[in-house]
N, C-alpha and C. Protein backbone atom coordinates (compact mmCIF):
# COMPACT_ATOMS: atom_id res chain seq x y z
N MET A 1 41.59 -236.03 -32.20
CA MET A 1 42.54 -235.78 -31.03
C MET A 1 42.08 -236.65 -29.97
N LEU A 2 43.11 -237.40 -29.40
CA LEU A 2 42.82 -238.18 -28.18
C LEU A 2 43.29 -237.53 -26.98
N THR A 3 42.37 -237.43 -25.92
CA THR A 3 42.71 -236.76 -24.72
C THR A 3 42.82 -237.75 -23.53
N THR A 4 43.91 -237.72 -22.77
CA THR A 4 44.06 -238.62 -21.59
C THR A 4 44.29 -237.83 -20.42
N ARG A 5 44.31 -238.38 -19.25
CA ARG A 5 44.67 -237.66 -17.99
C ARG A 5 46.11 -238.00 -17.61
N ALA A 6 46.97 -237.03 -17.43
CA ALA A 6 48.29 -237.08 -16.98
C ALA A 6 48.31 -237.45 -15.48
N PRO A 7 49.51 -238.05 -14.88
CA PRO A 7 49.58 -238.26 -13.55
C PRO A 7 49.20 -237.11 -12.61
N ASP A 8 49.57 -235.87 -13.08
CA ASP A 8 49.28 -234.76 -12.27
C ASP A 8 47.87 -234.22 -12.30
N GLY A 9 47.02 -234.99 -13.14
CA GLY A 9 45.54 -234.61 -13.26
C GLY A 9 45.26 -233.76 -14.43
N SER A 10 46.37 -233.17 -15.06
CA SER A 10 46.11 -232.37 -16.27
C SER A 10 45.67 -233.15 -17.43
N LEU A 11 45.02 -232.57 -18.37
CA LEU A 11 44.61 -233.21 -19.67
C LEU A 11 45.56 -233.15 -20.76
N VAL A 12 45.87 -234.17 -21.55
CA VAL A 12 46.93 -234.24 -22.58
C VAL A 12 46.27 -234.65 -23.79
N SER A 13 46.34 -233.86 -24.83
CA SER A 13 45.70 -234.23 -26.21
C SER A 13 46.84 -234.42 -27.22
N ARG A 14 46.53 -235.33 -28.08
CA ARG A 14 47.45 -235.52 -29.14
C ARG A 14 46.62 -236.15 -30.32
N PRO A 15 47.11 -235.93 -31.55
CA PRO A 15 46.47 -236.49 -32.78
C PRO A 15 46.72 -237.92 -32.98
N LEU A 16 45.67 -238.64 -33.38
CA LEU A 16 45.81 -240.12 -33.72
C LEU A 16 44.94 -240.39 -34.98
N GLN A 17 45.47 -241.36 -35.78
CA GLN A 17 44.69 -241.55 -36.96
C GLN A 17 43.71 -242.73 -36.57
N THR A 18 42.33 -242.47 -36.80
CA THR A 18 41.41 -243.52 -36.64
C THR A 18 41.49 -244.47 -37.80
N LEU A 19 41.66 -245.73 -37.42
CA LEU A 19 41.83 -246.79 -38.47
C LEU A 19 40.56 -247.62 -38.73
N ALA A 20 39.62 -247.67 -37.75
CA ALA A 20 38.46 -248.46 -37.96
C ALA A 20 37.51 -248.06 -36.81
N PHE A 21 36.20 -248.40 -37.10
CA PHE A 21 35.17 -248.44 -36.08
C PHE A 21 34.47 -249.78 -36.27
N SER A 22 34.64 -250.57 -35.18
CA SER A 22 34.13 -251.96 -35.27
C SER A 22 33.57 -252.34 -33.89
N ASP A 23 32.48 -252.90 -33.82
CA ASP A 23 31.88 -253.49 -32.58
C ASP A 23 31.90 -252.43 -31.45
N GLY A 24 31.50 -251.20 -31.82
CA GLY A 24 31.29 -250.09 -30.75
C GLY A 24 32.74 -249.66 -30.35
N GLU A 25 33.73 -249.91 -31.03
CA GLU A 25 35.09 -249.45 -30.70
C GLU A 25 35.79 -248.75 -31.81
N LEU A 26 36.40 -247.70 -31.59
CA LEU A 26 37.34 -246.95 -32.51
C LEU A 26 38.65 -247.64 -32.27
N VAL A 27 39.40 -247.84 -33.45
CA VAL A 27 40.68 -248.59 -33.38
C VAL A 27 41.74 -247.71 -33.95
N PHE A 28 42.96 -247.72 -33.30
CA PHE A 28 44.12 -246.94 -33.60
C PHE A 28 45.41 -247.88 -33.41
N PHE A 29 46.48 -247.42 -34.20
CA PHE A 29 47.80 -247.91 -33.86
C PHE A 29 48.45 -246.86 -32.88
N THR A 30 49.29 -247.34 -31.97
CA THR A 30 50.16 -246.37 -31.17
C THR A 30 51.37 -247.11 -30.78
N ALA A 31 52.32 -246.37 -30.21
CA ALA A 31 53.59 -246.96 -29.85
C ALA A 31 53.58 -247.30 -28.40
N ALA A 32 54.07 -248.61 -28.12
CA ALA A 32 54.07 -249.16 -26.80
C ALA A 32 54.92 -248.33 -25.82
N ASP A 33 55.94 -247.54 -26.30
CA ASP A 33 56.78 -246.75 -25.50
C ASP A 33 56.14 -245.27 -25.32
N SER A 34 54.99 -245.10 -25.82
CA SER A 34 54.39 -243.70 -25.71
C SER A 34 53.89 -243.40 -24.26
N GLY A 35 54.07 -242.29 -23.87
CA GLY A 35 53.66 -241.80 -22.53
C GLY A 35 52.15 -242.04 -22.32
N LYS A 36 51.32 -242.04 -23.41
CA LYS A 36 49.98 -242.22 -23.29
C LYS A 36 49.56 -243.51 -22.69
N LEU A 37 50.33 -244.52 -22.93
CA LEU A 37 49.98 -245.87 -22.37
C LEU A 37 50.04 -245.89 -20.84
N ALA A 38 51.06 -245.24 -20.27
CA ALA A 38 51.01 -245.18 -18.80
C ALA A 38 49.93 -244.40 -18.28
N GLU A 39 49.51 -243.35 -18.99
CA GLU A 39 48.25 -242.58 -18.61
C GLU A 39 47.15 -243.33 -18.81
N LEU A 40 46.98 -244.15 -19.72
CA LEU A 40 45.81 -245.00 -19.91
C LEU A 40 45.75 -246.04 -18.88
N GLU A 41 46.84 -246.60 -18.41
CA GLU A 41 46.87 -247.70 -17.44
C GLU A 41 46.37 -247.06 -16.11
N ALA A 42 46.66 -245.83 -15.82
CA ALA A 42 46.17 -245.20 -14.62
C ALA A 42 44.70 -244.75 -14.72
N ASP A 43 44.35 -244.30 -15.96
CA ASP A 43 42.96 -243.93 -16.08
C ASP A 43 42.55 -244.10 -17.55
N PRO A 44 41.84 -245.11 -17.87
CA PRO A 44 41.49 -245.52 -19.20
C PRO A 44 40.31 -244.68 -19.81
N ASP A 45 39.69 -243.71 -19.00
CA ASP A 45 38.73 -242.87 -19.54
C ASP A 45 39.32 -241.83 -20.45
N VAL A 46 38.82 -241.72 -21.80
CA VAL A 46 39.39 -240.77 -22.76
C VAL A 46 38.27 -239.98 -23.40
N ASN A 47 38.78 -238.97 -24.13
CA ASN A 47 37.94 -238.27 -25.05
C ASN A 47 38.52 -238.17 -26.36
N LEU A 48 37.78 -238.34 -27.46
CA LEU A 48 38.24 -238.13 -28.73
C LEU A 48 37.45 -237.07 -29.45
N ALA A 49 38.17 -236.16 -30.05
CA ALA A 49 37.55 -235.00 -30.75
C ALA A 49 37.82 -235.13 -32.24
N TYR A 50 36.75 -234.98 -33.02
CA TYR A 50 36.80 -234.97 -34.52
C TYR A 50 36.28 -233.61 -34.98
N ALA A 51 36.82 -233.02 -35.96
CA ALA A 51 36.38 -231.81 -36.57
C ALA A 51 36.50 -231.70 -37.97
N ASP A 52 35.46 -231.22 -38.63
CA ASP A 52 35.45 -230.89 -40.06
C ASP A 52 35.11 -229.35 -40.18
N PRO A 53 36.17 -228.50 -40.00
CA PRO A 53 35.85 -227.18 -39.93
C PRO A 53 35.33 -226.57 -41.21
N ALA A 54 35.63 -227.11 -42.28
CA ALA A 54 35.22 -226.54 -43.50
C ALA A 54 33.55 -226.64 -43.61
N ARG A 55 33.00 -227.76 -42.99
CA ARG A 55 31.55 -227.94 -42.98
C ARG A 55 31.04 -227.70 -41.58
N HIS A 56 31.78 -227.13 -40.64
CA HIS A 56 31.35 -226.76 -39.33
C HIS A 56 30.74 -227.90 -38.63
N ARG A 57 31.34 -229.14 -38.66
CA ARG A 57 30.79 -230.35 -37.98
C ARG A 57 31.90 -230.82 -36.99
N TYR A 58 31.35 -231.10 -35.85
CA TYR A 58 32.23 -231.49 -34.72
C TYR A 58 31.52 -232.67 -33.94
N VAL A 59 32.51 -233.58 -33.39
CA VAL A 59 32.13 -234.71 -32.68
C VAL A 59 33.06 -234.86 -31.45
N SER A 60 32.41 -235.07 -30.36
CA SER A 60 33.24 -235.33 -29.14
C SER A 60 32.79 -236.69 -28.63
N VAL A 61 33.83 -237.60 -28.50
CA VAL A 61 33.49 -239.01 -28.16
C VAL A 61 34.00 -239.30 -26.74
N ARG A 62 33.26 -239.79 -25.88
CA ARG A 62 33.69 -240.30 -24.55
C ARG A 62 33.80 -241.79 -24.62
N GLY A 63 34.87 -242.32 -24.11
CA GLY A 63 35.07 -243.82 -24.17
C GLY A 63 36.14 -244.33 -23.13
N ARG A 64 36.30 -245.66 -23.23
CA ARG A 64 37.27 -246.29 -22.36
C ARG A 64 38.23 -247.03 -23.11
N ALA A 65 39.49 -246.73 -23.00
CA ALA A 65 40.53 -247.30 -23.77
C ALA A 65 41.14 -248.64 -23.20
N ARG A 66 41.62 -249.41 -24.10
CA ARG A 66 42.44 -250.63 -23.78
C ARG A 66 43.44 -250.88 -24.85
N VAL A 67 44.55 -251.43 -24.51
CA VAL A 67 45.63 -251.76 -25.39
C VAL A 67 45.73 -253.24 -25.65
N THR A 68 45.97 -253.60 -26.89
CA THR A 68 46.24 -255.05 -27.20
C THR A 68 47.38 -255.14 -28.15
N ARG A 69 47.74 -256.29 -28.44
CA ARG A 69 48.80 -256.64 -29.47
C ARG A 69 48.13 -257.58 -30.44
N SER A 70 46.88 -257.34 -30.77
CA SER A 70 46.24 -258.23 -31.61
C SER A 70 46.80 -258.35 -33.04
N ARG A 71 47.39 -259.50 -33.37
CA ARG A 71 47.97 -259.68 -34.64
C ARG A 71 46.94 -259.58 -35.72
N ALA A 72 45.74 -260.24 -35.50
CA ALA A 72 44.73 -260.07 -36.53
C ALA A 72 44.39 -258.66 -36.82
N THR A 73 44.21 -257.88 -35.89
CA THR A 73 43.93 -256.39 -36.08
C THR A 73 45.04 -255.65 -36.79
N ILE A 74 46.24 -255.97 -36.40
CA ILE A 74 47.35 -255.39 -37.07
C ILE A 74 47.45 -255.70 -38.54
N GLU A 75 47.37 -257.03 -38.78
CA GLU A 75 47.32 -257.47 -40.15
C GLU A 75 46.20 -256.79 -41.03
N ALA A 76 44.94 -256.75 -40.45
CA ALA A 76 43.80 -256.18 -41.14
C ALA A 76 43.95 -254.72 -41.35
N LEU A 77 44.56 -253.94 -40.53
CA LEU A 77 44.52 -252.49 -40.68
C LEU A 77 45.89 -251.93 -41.06
N TRP A 78 46.90 -252.71 -41.24
CA TRP A 78 48.20 -252.23 -41.69
C TRP A 78 48.18 -251.64 -43.06
N SER A 79 48.86 -250.63 -43.21
CA SER A 79 49.05 -250.06 -44.55
C SER A 79 50.54 -249.47 -44.59
N VAL A 80 51.13 -249.39 -45.76
CA VAL A 80 52.51 -248.91 -46.03
C VAL A 80 52.73 -247.60 -45.34
N ALA A 81 51.74 -246.76 -45.31
CA ALA A 81 51.82 -245.41 -44.67
C ALA A 81 52.17 -245.52 -43.24
N GLN A 82 51.83 -246.60 -42.57
CA GLN A 82 52.19 -246.85 -41.14
C GLN A 82 53.68 -246.94 -40.82
N ARG A 83 54.40 -247.29 -41.92
CA ARG A 83 55.94 -247.30 -41.67
C ARG A 83 56.55 -246.01 -41.16
N VAL A 84 55.92 -244.95 -41.46
CA VAL A 84 56.43 -243.57 -41.07
C VAL A 84 56.47 -243.70 -39.50
N PHE A 85 55.56 -244.32 -38.86
CA PHE A 85 55.50 -244.38 -37.43
C PHE A 85 56.20 -245.53 -36.81
N PHE A 86 56.08 -246.72 -37.59
CA PHE A 86 56.65 -247.96 -37.20
C PHE A 86 57.52 -248.56 -38.38
N PRO A 87 58.80 -248.13 -38.28
CA PRO A 87 59.73 -248.49 -39.30
C PRO A 87 59.93 -250.02 -39.38
N GLY A 88 59.77 -250.74 -38.28
CA GLY A 88 59.88 -252.15 -38.39
C GLY A 88 58.71 -252.96 -38.98
N GLY A 89 57.69 -252.14 -39.53
CA GLY A 89 56.61 -252.78 -40.17
C GLY A 89 55.61 -253.36 -39.20
N LYS A 90 54.90 -254.25 -39.74
CA LYS A 90 53.80 -254.97 -38.96
C LYS A 90 54.38 -255.71 -37.71
N ASP A 91 55.69 -256.04 -37.77
CA ASP A 91 56.31 -256.87 -36.76
C ASP A 91 57.18 -255.95 -35.76
N ASP A 92 56.99 -254.65 -36.00
CA ASP A 92 57.69 -253.63 -35.05
C ASP A 92 57.23 -254.01 -33.68
N PRO A 93 58.21 -254.23 -32.72
CA PRO A 93 57.74 -254.60 -31.38
C PRO A 93 57.16 -253.29 -30.57
N ASN A 94 57.34 -252.20 -31.19
CA ASN A 94 56.66 -250.98 -30.57
C ASN A 94 55.30 -250.75 -30.94
N LEU A 95 54.78 -251.55 -31.94
CA LEU A 95 53.43 -251.33 -32.43
C LEU A 95 52.32 -252.02 -31.53
N VAL A 96 51.40 -251.25 -31.02
CA VAL A 96 50.23 -251.91 -30.34
C VAL A 96 48.97 -251.24 -30.89
N VAL A 97 47.86 -251.95 -30.57
CA VAL A 97 46.52 -251.56 -30.92
C VAL A 97 45.91 -250.94 -29.70
N LEU A 98 45.35 -249.72 -29.93
CA LEU A 98 44.61 -248.96 -29.01
C LEU A 98 43.01 -249.05 -29.42
N ARG A 99 42.29 -249.58 -28.52
CA ARG A 99 40.88 -249.60 -28.83
C ARG A 99 40.05 -248.72 -27.76
N VAL A 100 39.11 -247.97 -28.29
CA VAL A 100 38.30 -247.19 -27.39
C VAL A 100 36.96 -247.59 -27.54
N HIS A 101 36.36 -248.04 -26.43
CA HIS A 101 34.89 -248.48 -26.49
C HIS A 101 34.16 -247.19 -26.33
N VAL A 102 33.28 -246.84 -27.20
CA VAL A 102 32.48 -245.65 -27.18
C VAL A 102 31.38 -245.77 -26.25
N ARG A 103 31.35 -244.78 -25.20
CA ARG A 103 30.32 -244.64 -24.36
C ARG A 103 29.14 -243.83 -24.87
N ASP A 104 29.56 -242.69 -25.35
CA ASP A 104 28.63 -241.74 -26.05
C ASP A 104 29.42 -240.77 -26.91
N ALA A 105 28.65 -240.15 -27.78
CA ALA A 105 29.21 -239.09 -28.67
C ALA A 105 28.29 -238.02 -28.83
N ALA A 106 28.88 -236.71 -28.66
CA ALA A 106 28.09 -235.61 -28.85
C ALA A 106 28.44 -235.01 -30.19
N TYR A 107 27.49 -234.40 -30.91
CA TYR A 107 27.77 -234.03 -32.21
C TYR A 107 27.02 -232.66 -32.51
N TRP A 108 27.64 -231.78 -33.40
CA TRP A 108 27.12 -230.43 -33.73
C TRP A 108 27.34 -230.45 -35.23
N GLU A 109 26.18 -229.94 -35.92
CA GLU A 109 26.37 -229.66 -37.35
C GLU A 109 25.35 -228.58 -37.70
N PRO A 110 25.82 -227.72 -38.59
CA PRO A 110 24.91 -226.58 -38.90
C PRO A 110 23.74 -226.89 -39.87
N SER A 111 22.84 -226.07 -39.83
CA SER A 111 21.72 -226.27 -40.88
C SER A 111 21.93 -225.09 -41.87
N GLY A 112 21.68 -225.36 -43.08
CA GLY A 112 21.81 -224.28 -44.16
C GLY A 112 23.28 -223.93 -44.37
N ASN A 113 23.45 -222.88 -45.26
CA ASN A 113 24.72 -222.41 -45.53
C ASN A 113 25.14 -221.29 -44.73
N PHE A 114 26.20 -220.64 -44.92
CA PHE A 114 26.78 -219.53 -44.05
C PHE A 114 25.83 -218.37 -43.99
N VAL A 115 25.19 -217.95 -45.10
CA VAL A 115 24.29 -216.86 -45.05
C VAL A 115 23.07 -217.17 -44.16
N VAL A 116 22.52 -218.44 -44.37
CA VAL A 116 21.28 -218.81 -43.47
C VAL A 116 21.65 -218.84 -42.08
N ARG A 117 22.88 -219.26 -41.67
CA ARG A 117 23.30 -219.35 -40.28
C ARG A 117 23.55 -217.96 -39.82
N ALA A 118 24.07 -217.10 -40.51
CA ALA A 118 24.27 -215.65 -40.18
C ALA A 118 23.05 -214.98 -39.87
N LEU A 119 21.97 -215.24 -40.69
CA LEU A 119 20.70 -214.61 -40.62
C LEU A 119 19.98 -215.11 -39.34
N GLU A 120 20.13 -216.42 -39.07
CA GLU A 120 19.56 -217.05 -37.90
C GLU A 120 20.22 -216.45 -36.61
N PHE A 121 21.49 -216.26 -36.58
CA PHE A 121 22.22 -215.76 -35.46
C PHE A 121 21.80 -214.42 -35.26
N ALA A 122 21.73 -213.53 -36.26
CA ALA A 122 21.30 -212.10 -36.14
C ALA A 122 19.91 -212.06 -35.66
N ARG A 123 18.97 -212.90 -36.17
CA ARG A 123 17.60 -212.93 -35.64
C ARG A 123 17.53 -213.27 -34.15
N GLY A 124 18.38 -214.26 -33.74
CA GLY A 124 18.40 -214.61 -32.34
C GLY A 124 18.86 -213.38 -31.42
N LEU A 125 19.71 -212.55 -31.97
CA LEU A 125 20.07 -211.34 -31.15
C LEU A 125 19.05 -210.30 -31.08
N LEU A 126 18.08 -210.32 -32.02
CA LEU A 126 17.08 -209.25 -32.14
C LEU A 126 15.72 -209.56 -31.45
N ASP A 127 15.53 -210.93 -31.25
CA ASP A 127 14.22 -211.25 -30.67
C ASP A 127 14.44 -212.43 -29.66
N ASP A 128 13.42 -212.75 -29.03
CA ASP A 128 13.53 -213.80 -27.97
C ASP A 128 13.21 -215.19 -28.44
N GLU A 129 13.05 -215.35 -29.75
CA GLU A 129 12.70 -216.61 -30.45
C GLU A 129 13.93 -217.45 -30.37
N PRO A 130 13.81 -218.79 -30.18
CA PRO A 130 15.02 -219.63 -30.42
C PRO A 130 15.39 -219.62 -31.81
N ASN A 131 16.60 -219.60 -32.16
CA ASN A 131 17.04 -219.57 -33.53
C ASN A 131 17.46 -221.04 -33.90
N ASP A 132 17.62 -221.25 -35.24
CA ASP A 132 17.96 -222.60 -35.74
C ASP A 132 19.38 -222.55 -36.30
N LEU A 133 20.36 -222.65 -35.39
CA LEU A 133 21.75 -222.74 -35.96
C LEU A 133 22.30 -224.09 -36.44
N GLY A 134 21.50 -225.12 -36.14
CA GLY A 134 21.82 -226.46 -36.53
C GLY A 134 21.37 -227.49 -35.61
N ARG A 135 21.96 -228.62 -35.77
CA ARG A 135 21.52 -229.78 -34.91
C ARG A 135 22.62 -230.15 -33.98
N GLN A 136 22.31 -230.56 -32.75
CA GLN A 136 23.22 -231.13 -31.97
C GLN A 136 22.47 -232.26 -31.13
N GLY A 137 23.36 -233.15 -30.69
CA GLY A 137 22.69 -234.31 -29.93
C GLY A 137 23.76 -235.20 -29.32
N ILE A 138 23.29 -236.25 -28.71
CA ILE A 138 24.23 -237.15 -28.08
C ILE A 138 23.77 -238.63 -28.49
N VAL A 139 24.72 -239.38 -28.96
CA VAL A 139 24.39 -240.84 -29.22
C VAL A 139 25.03 -241.68 -28.23
N HIS A 140 24.31 -242.55 -27.66
CA HIS A 140 24.86 -243.38 -26.51
C HIS A 140 25.29 -244.62 -27.21
N GLY A 141 26.56 -245.02 -26.93
CA GLY A 141 27.09 -246.21 -27.38
C GLY A 141 26.48 -247.52 -27.03
N ASP A 142 26.39 -247.69 -25.70
CA ASP A 142 25.84 -248.93 -25.16
C ASP A 142 24.37 -249.12 -25.47
N ALA A 143 23.60 -248.12 -25.07
CA ALA A 143 22.21 -248.29 -25.15
C ALA A 143 21.68 -248.10 -26.61
N GLY A 144 22.46 -247.51 -27.45
CA GLY A 144 22.08 -247.32 -28.85
C GLY A 144 21.05 -246.19 -29.05
N SER A 145 20.79 -245.38 -27.90
CA SER A 145 19.73 -244.42 -28.02
C SER A 145 20.39 -243.06 -28.42
N ALA A 146 19.62 -242.15 -28.75
CA ALA A 146 20.09 -240.84 -29.12
C ALA A 146 19.12 -239.68 -28.56
N SER A 147 19.71 -238.64 -28.29
CA SER A 147 18.89 -237.43 -27.89
C SER A 147 19.41 -236.26 -28.79
N ARG A 148 18.34 -235.41 -29.14
CA ARG A 148 18.76 -234.27 -29.90
C ARG A 148 18.21 -233.05 -29.21
N ASP A 149 18.99 -232.01 -29.34
CA ASP A 149 18.55 -230.61 -28.87
C ASP A 149 18.77 -229.73 -30.08
N ARG A 150 17.76 -229.50 -30.84
CA ARG A 150 17.89 -228.67 -32.08
C ARG A 150 18.18 -227.31 -31.81
N GLY A 151 19.22 -226.75 -32.34
CA GLY A 151 19.47 -225.40 -32.46
C GLY A 151 20.00 -224.72 -31.15
N ARG A 152 20.38 -225.50 -30.13
CA ARG A 152 20.88 -224.93 -29.00
C ARG A 152 22.20 -225.52 -28.57
């Protein structure tokens, strides 16, 4: 999910298909006539949310967006499935490339299976010891550094 800021300051989220991750940027196709482009022009700071509920894994990415019409990127990432959104194909005048430069990404993932997590949760309710519900941390895009806070 891509989240942008609307002119009234509210947050607007919508699904986008991530096509690539290259040189610290996530790459998408989007429509030039989409309302999100006006939002991005006014405020290019965005959030991207990824979820794998079956495995209880979540990632929240903060970044800065920019729009291009890079023919090389369109050629490299085009697939027949994109015709659903861009009937004119690779040459559809409404097709643009959205690139999000990743500033940082926070992640959460569990340790163990459901039973182990349930026991850790219950143990945390019964005593004052920190429980181990999994890993979480932040990976910084520019600095390449990472910080982790285990189980909290």
